[in-house]
N, C-alpha and C. Protein backbone atom coordinates (compact mmCIF):
# COMPACT_ATOMS: atom_id res chain seq x y z
N UNK A 1 -30.98 -6.47 49.22
CA UNK A 1 -29.95 -5.92 50.06
C UNK A 1 -29.63 -4.50 49.59
N UNK A 2 -29.43 -3.63 50.51
CA UNK A 2 -29.10 -2.24 50.20
C UNK A 2 -27.75 -1.89 50.82
N UNK A 3 -26.88 -1.29 50.02
CA UNK A 3 -25.57 -0.90 50.50
C UNK A 3 -25.52 0.62 50.57
N UNK A 4 -25.23 1.14 51.74
CA UNK A 4 -25.12 2.58 51.92
C UNK A 4 -23.65 2.95 52.08
N UNK A 5 -23.18 3.80 51.19
CA UNK A 5 -21.80 4.26 51.25
C UNK A 5 -21.76 5.77 51.26
N UNK A 6 -20.81 6.29 52.00
CA UNK A 6 -20.60 7.73 51.99
C UNK A 6 -19.54 8.04 50.95
N UNK A 7 -19.75 9.08 50.21
CA UNK A 7 -18.79 9.49 49.18
C UNK A 7 -17.45 9.81 49.83
N UNK A 8 -16.40 9.27 49.27
CA UNK A 8 -15.05 9.53 49.77
C UNK A 8 -14.70 8.78 51.05
N UNK A 9 -15.50 7.78 51.42
CA UNK A 9 -15.28 7.07 52.67
C UNK A 9 -14.22 5.97 52.55
N UNK A 10 -13.96 5.49 51.34
CA UNK A 10 -12.99 4.41 51.15
C UNK A 10 -11.58 4.97 51.25
N UNK A 11 -10.68 4.19 51.84
CA UNK A 11 -9.30 4.62 51.97
C UNK A 11 -8.36 3.48 51.53
N UNK A 12 -7.20 3.86 51.08
CA UNK A 12 -6.20 2.88 50.66
C UNK A 12 -5.20 2.63 51.78
N UNK A 13 -5.45 3.19 52.93
CA UNK A 13 -4.51 3.05 54.05
C UNK A 13 -4.70 1.76 54.81
N UNK A 14 -4.10 1.71 55.97
CA UNK A 14 -4.15 0.59 56.91
C UNK A 14 -3.68 -0.71 56.25
N UNK A 15 -4.50 -1.76 56.22
CA UNK A 15 -4.08 -3.06 55.69
C UNK A 15 -4.42 -3.27 54.22
N UNK A 16 -5.07 -2.32 53.60
CA UNK A 16 -5.51 -2.48 52.21
C UNK A 16 -4.34 -2.78 51.26
N UNK A 17 -3.21 -2.06 51.32
CA UNK A 17 -2.14 -2.32 50.36
C UNK A 17 -1.60 -3.74 50.37
N UNK A 18 -1.61 -4.38 51.52
CA UNK A 18 -1.07 -5.74 51.63
C UNK A 18 -1.86 -6.73 50.79
N UNK A 19 -3.14 -6.51 50.64
CA UNK A 19 -4.01 -7.45 49.91
C UNK A 19 -4.48 -6.90 48.57
N UNK A 20 -4.11 -5.67 48.25
CA UNK A 20 -4.68 -4.98 47.09
C UNK A 20 -4.39 -5.69 45.78
N UNK A 21 -3.14 -6.03 45.50
CA UNK A 21 -2.81 -6.62 44.21
C UNK A 21 -3.55 -7.92 43.97
N UNK A 22 -3.62 -8.78 44.98
CA UNK A 22 -4.35 -10.05 44.84
C UNK A 22 -5.83 -9.78 44.61
N UNK A 23 -6.38 -8.85 45.36
CA UNK A 23 -7.80 -8.52 45.23
C UNK A 23 -8.12 -7.96 43.85
N UNK A 24 -7.33 -7.01 43.39
CA UNK A 24 -7.64 -6.33 42.12
C UNK A 24 -7.50 -7.28 40.93
N UNK A 25 -6.52 -8.19 41.00
CA UNK A 25 -6.34 -9.16 39.92
C UNK A 25 -7.53 -10.11 39.81
N UNK A 26 -8.17 -10.40 40.94
CA UNK A 26 -9.35 -11.26 40.94
C UNK A 26 -10.63 -10.50 40.60
N UNK A 27 -10.66 -9.20 40.91
CA UNK A 27 -11.89 -8.42 40.80
C UNK A 27 -12.06 -7.68 39.47
N UNK A 28 -10.97 -7.31 38.83
CA UNK A 28 -11.06 -6.51 37.60
C UNK A 28 -10.73 -7.41 36.41
N UNK A 29 -11.71 -7.62 35.53
CA UNK A 29 -11.44 -8.46 34.36
C UNK A 29 -10.29 -7.92 33.52
N UNK A 30 -9.41 -8.80 33.12
CA UNK A 30 -8.28 -8.49 32.23
C UNK A 30 -7.29 -7.50 32.84
N UNK A 31 -7.20 -7.46 34.16
CA UNK A 31 -6.28 -6.54 34.83
C UNK A 31 -4.83 -6.81 34.42
N UNK A 32 -4.41 -8.06 34.50
CA UNK A 32 -3.04 -8.42 34.12
C UNK A 32 -2.81 -8.17 32.63
N UNK A 33 -3.79 -8.52 31.82
CA UNK A 33 -3.68 -8.31 30.38
C UNK A 33 -3.57 -6.83 30.04
N UNK A 34 -4.27 -5.99 30.80
CA UNK A 34 -4.17 -4.54 30.61
C UNK A 34 -2.76 -4.05 30.88
N UNK A 35 -2.14 -4.56 31.93
CA UNK A 35 -0.76 -4.19 32.24
C UNK A 35 0.18 -4.63 31.13
N UNK A 36 -0.04 -5.82 30.59
CA UNK A 36 0.81 -6.31 29.50
C UNK A 36 0.66 -5.44 28.25
N UNK A 37 -0.55 -5.04 27.95
CA UNK A 37 -0.80 -4.17 26.80
C UNK A 37 -0.11 -2.81 27.00
N UNK A 38 -0.21 -2.26 28.19
CA UNK A 38 0.45 -0.98 28.49
C UNK A 38 1.96 -1.12 28.33
N UNK A 39 2.51 -2.22 28.80
CA UNK A 39 3.95 -2.45 28.63
C UNK A 39 4.34 -2.43 27.16
N UNK A 40 3.60 -3.14 26.33
CA UNK A 40 3.92 -3.19 24.90
C UNK A 40 3.80 -1.81 24.24
N UNK A 41 2.77 -1.06 24.58
CA UNK A 41 2.59 0.27 24.01
C UNK A 41 3.63 1.26 24.53
N UNK A 42 4.07 1.06 25.76
CA UNK A 42 5.03 1.98 26.36
C UNK A 42 6.34 2.03 25.59
N UNK A 43 6.72 0.94 24.99
CA UNK A 43 7.96 0.90 24.23
C UNK A 43 7.92 1.89 23.06
N UNK A 44 6.75 2.13 22.54
CA UNK A 44 6.57 3.08 21.43
C UNK A 44 6.49 4.53 21.94
N UNK A 45 5.76 4.74 23.04
CA UNK A 45 5.49 6.10 23.51
C UNK A 45 6.56 6.67 24.43
N UNK A 46 7.27 5.83 25.17
CA UNK A 46 8.27 6.31 26.11
C UNK A 46 9.65 6.18 25.50
N UNK A 47 10.21 7.33 25.16
CA UNK A 47 11.54 7.35 24.58
C UNK A 47 12.52 7.87 25.63
N UNK A 48 13.79 7.88 25.33
CA UNK A 48 14.77 8.39 26.29
C UNK A 48 14.40 9.79 26.75
N UNK A 49 14.57 10.01 28.03
CA UNK A 49 14.28 11.29 28.70
C UNK A 49 12.78 11.54 28.90
N UNK A 50 11.94 10.54 28.64
CA UNK A 50 10.50 10.69 28.87
C UNK A 50 10.18 10.67 30.36
N UNK A 51 9.06 11.29 30.69
CA UNK A 51 8.49 11.21 32.04
C UNK A 51 7.21 10.41 31.95
N UNK A 52 7.03 9.54 32.89
CA UNK A 52 5.83 8.71 32.93
C UNK A 52 5.15 8.93 34.27
N UNK A 53 3.90 9.37 34.25
CA UNK A 53 3.13 9.65 35.46
C UNK A 53 2.13 8.52 35.71
N UNK A 54 2.00 8.15 36.97
CA UNK A 54 0.96 7.21 37.39
C UNK A 54 0.16 7.89 38.48
N UNK A 55 -1.02 8.36 38.12
CA UNK A 55 -1.90 9.06 39.06
C UNK A 55 -2.79 8.04 39.75
N UNK A 56 -2.72 8.00 41.07
CA UNK A 56 -3.45 6.97 41.81
C UNK A 56 -2.71 5.65 41.70
N UNK A 57 -1.43 5.68 41.97
CA UNK A 57 -0.54 4.54 41.70
C UNK A 57 -0.77 3.34 42.62
N UNK A 58 -1.51 3.48 43.68
CA UNK A 58 -1.75 2.42 44.66
C UNK A 58 -0.43 1.76 45.06
N UNK A 59 -0.20 0.52 44.71
CA UNK A 59 1.02 -0.18 45.11
C UNK A 59 2.16 -0.04 44.10
N UNK A 60 1.96 0.76 43.08
CA UNK A 60 2.98 1.03 42.05
C UNK A 60 3.30 -0.18 41.18
N UNK A 61 2.47 -1.18 41.19
CA UNK A 61 2.78 -2.42 40.46
C UNK A 61 2.97 -2.19 38.96
N UNK A 62 2.18 -1.31 38.36
CA UNK A 62 2.33 -1.07 36.92
C UNK A 62 3.67 -0.42 36.61
N UNK A 63 4.05 0.61 37.34
CA UNK A 63 5.31 1.27 37.04
C UNK A 63 6.52 0.42 37.41
N UNK A 64 6.38 -0.46 38.35
CA UNK A 64 7.46 -1.41 38.64
C UNK A 64 7.66 -2.31 37.43
N UNK A 65 6.56 -2.81 36.86
CA UNK A 65 6.65 -3.64 35.65
C UNK A 65 7.25 -2.85 34.49
N UNK A 66 6.80 -1.60 34.32
CA UNK A 66 7.33 -0.78 33.23
C UNK A 66 8.82 -0.51 33.40
N UNK A 67 9.25 -0.22 34.61
CA UNK A 67 10.66 0.09 34.82
C UNK A 67 11.55 -1.11 34.52
N UNK A 68 11.07 -2.30 34.81
CA UNK A 68 11.83 -3.51 34.49
C UNK A 68 11.83 -3.77 32.98
N UNK A 69 10.70 -3.53 32.34
CA UNK A 69 10.56 -3.76 30.90
C UNK A 69 11.37 -2.76 30.09
N UNK A 70 11.43 -1.54 30.55
CA UNK A 70 12.10 -0.45 29.82
C UNK A 70 13.43 -0.07 30.46
N UNK A 71 14.10 -1.01 31.10
CA UNK A 71 15.28 -0.69 31.90
C UNK A 71 16.47 -0.16 31.09
N UNK A 72 16.44 -0.27 29.79
CA UNK A 72 17.54 0.24 28.96
C UNK A 72 17.33 1.71 28.57
N UNK A 73 16.16 2.24 28.88
CA UNK A 73 15.86 3.63 28.53
C UNK A 73 16.07 4.53 29.75
N UNK A 74 16.43 5.78 29.49
CA UNK A 74 16.60 6.78 30.54
C UNK A 74 15.25 7.46 30.75
N UNK A 75 14.50 7.00 31.76
CA UNK A 75 13.14 7.48 32.01
C UNK A 75 13.00 8.01 33.42
N UNK A 76 12.01 8.86 33.60
CA UNK A 76 11.66 9.34 34.93
C UNK A 76 10.23 8.92 35.22
N UNK A 77 10.04 8.19 36.32
CA UNK A 77 8.71 7.76 36.72
C UNK A 77 8.25 8.61 37.90
N UNK A 78 7.04 9.12 37.80
CA UNK A 78 6.47 9.95 38.86
C UNK A 78 5.17 9.30 39.30
N UNK A 79 5.13 8.93 40.56
CA UNK A 79 3.99 8.21 41.13
C UNK A 79 3.28 9.12 42.12
N UNK A 80 1.97 9.22 41.97
CA UNK A 80 1.17 10.06 42.87
C UNK A 80 -0.02 9.26 43.40
N UNK A 81 -0.28 9.43 44.69
CA UNK A 81 -1.44 8.80 45.28
C UNK A 81 -1.92 9.67 46.43
N UNK A 82 -3.17 9.57 46.76
CA UNK A 82 -3.74 10.37 47.83
C UNK A 82 -3.20 9.94 49.20
N UNK A 83 -2.83 8.67 49.33
CA UNK A 83 -2.28 8.18 50.59
C UNK A 83 -0.83 8.64 50.71
N UNK A 84 -0.47 9.16 51.86
CA UNK A 84 0.88 9.65 52.08
C UNK A 84 1.88 8.53 52.17
N UNK A 85 1.51 7.46 52.81
CA UNK A 85 2.39 6.29 52.88
C UNK A 85 1.54 5.07 53.18
N UNK A 86 2.07 3.94 52.83
CA UNK A 86 1.41 2.69 53.15
C UNK A 86 2.47 1.68 53.35
């Protein structure tokens, strides 16, 4: 079988965000574990008044988890994605 793809043809728009988290958790090994590790490390690296950037944030699931985990700290989260809205 041969798969032909055009560079830059994939998009995160339309219905993709609705199914993305379920899909990525099944498709990427240790995806949830990676988020847990980032949460634990964030406590050391993110201090009061820190800014945390998520480039290609997709559904923002990681920064949502971080904001709940670090809710006692005064942090600024900046989320960027190529999609304007979903």
